[in-house]
Amino acid sequence: MVKYTKLPAISGKQLIKLLEKDGWIIKGQATHGVSLAKLVGDRTVVTVVRNTNASLPVGTLGAILGVKQIGIGKSGLLDLVNKYGL
């Protein structure tokens, strides 16, 4: 398996699969994307990821990874990519 040092271009579907492997649960699906939830401490964190084969724009990916949504940052996503692969 390739060890990534820089974040690769990632599609919405790839991100959803990685988050599922990290313990996120699909709660619903709509035309705009897939709703994922995870219990963190005493609260449930919810985010919506666009379900697409196209690469997510850098700003969108950054917003999803930020503290207001899933809170792992780019380094956390890089760890997931290296752990589970794309």
Protein backbone atom coordinates (compact mmCIF):
# COMPACT_ATOMS: atom_id res chain seq x y z
CA MET A 1 0.00 0.00 0.00
CA VAL A 2 1.21 3.50 -0.85
CA LYS A 3 2.13 5.69 2.15
CA TYR A 4 0.88 9.23 1.51
CA THR A 5 2.78 12.23 2.83
CA LYS A 6 0.57 14.78 1.06
CA LEU A 7 -3.23 14.65 0.95
CA PRO A 8 -4.42 13.15 -2.38
CA ALA A 9 -7.46 14.37 -4.31
CA ILE A 10 -10.39 12.60 -2.71
CA SER A 11 -13.96 12.12 -3.91
CA GLY A 12 -17.07 12.32 -1.77
CA LYS A 13 -17.62 8.56 -2.06
CA GLN A 14 -14.03 7.84 -0.94
CA LEU A 15 -14.42 10.19 2.03
CA ILE A 16 -17.69 8.50 3.04
CA LYS A 17 -16.03 5.06 2.95
CA LEU A 18 -13.08 6.29 5.03
CA LEU A 19 -15.37 7.87 7.62
CA GLU A 20 -17.45 4.68 7.86
CA LYS A 21 -14.25 2.72 8.59
CA ASP A 22 -13.49 5.29 11.30
CA GLY A 23 -16.80 4.61 13.06
CA TRP A 24 -19.17 7.11 11.40
CA ILE A 25 -22.69 5.83 10.69
CA ILE A 26 -24.81 6.79 7.67
CA LYS A 27 -27.98 8.39 9.03
CA GLY A 28 -29.64 9.39 5.80
CA GLN A 29 -29.23 10.36 2.20
CA ALA A 30 -30.66 13.23 0.19
CA THR A 31 -29.95 14.77 -3.19
CA HIS A 32 -27.29 17.04 -1.71
CA GLY A 33 -25.32 14.31 0.07
CA VAL A 34 -25.03 11.67 2.76
CA SER A 35 -25.56 12.49 6.43
CA LEU A 36 -23.02 10.82 8.75
CA ALA A 37 -23.06 10.77 12.56
CA LYS A 38 -20.64 9.66 15.28
CA LEU A 39 -20.94 9.65 19.06
CA VAL A 40 -18.04 11.67 20.50
CA GLY A 41 -18.02 11.79 24.27
CA ASP A 42 -21.51 12.78 25.37
CA ARG A 43 -22.60 14.39 22.09
CA THR A 44 -23.37 13.26 18.56
CA VAL A 45 -21.44 14.95 15.76
CA VAL A 46 -23.23 15.14 12.39
CA THR A 47 -21.85 16.12 9.00
CA VAL A 48 -23.03 15.97 5.40
CA VAL A 49 -20.70 14.80 2.61
CA ARG A 50 -21.58 15.18 -1.05
CA ASN A 51 -22.00 11.72 -2.61
CA THR A 52 -20.00 12.19 -5.82
CA ASN A 53 -17.25 10.51 -7.82
CA ALA A 54 -15.67 13.89 -8.58
CA SER A 55 -12.90 15.23 -6.35
CA LEU A 56 -14.11 17.46 -3.55
CA PRO A 57 -12.93 21.07 -3.81
CA VAL A 58 -10.17 21.97 -1.35
CA GLY A 59 -12.37 24.46 0.52
CA THR A 60 -15.23 21.99 0.88
CA LEU A 61 -12.89 19.25 2.11
CA GLY A 62 -11.30 21.68 4.55
CA ALA A 63 -14.69 22.71 5.92
CA ILE A 64 -15.76 19.08 6.42
CA LEU A 65 -12.48 18.26 8.20
CA GLY A 66 -12.59 21.40 10.39
CA VAL A 67 -13.52 21.64 14.07
CA LYS A 68 -17.14 22.65 13.37
CA GLN A 69 -17.85 19.39 11.54
CA ILE A 70 -15.76 16.21 11.97
CA GLY A 71 -12.79 17.90 13.63
CA ILE A 72 -9.91 15.68 12.46
CA GLY A 73 -8.17 18.16 10.16
CA LYS A 74 -6.05 17.34 7.13
CA SER A 75 -3.49 15.42 9.18
CA GLY A 76 -6.26 13.23 10.63
CA LEU A 77 -7.58 12.47 7.14
CA LEU A 78 -4.04 11.68 5.99
CA ASP A 79 -3.77 9.21 8.90
CA LEU A 80 -7.06 7.56 7.84
CA VAL A 81 -5.90 7.32 4.20
CA ASN A 82 -2.64 5.71 5.28
CA LYS A 83 -4.41 3.34 7.70
CA TYR A 84 -7.27 2.16 5.48
CA GLY A 85 -6.14 3.14 1.97
CA LEU A 86 -8.29 4.70 -0.74
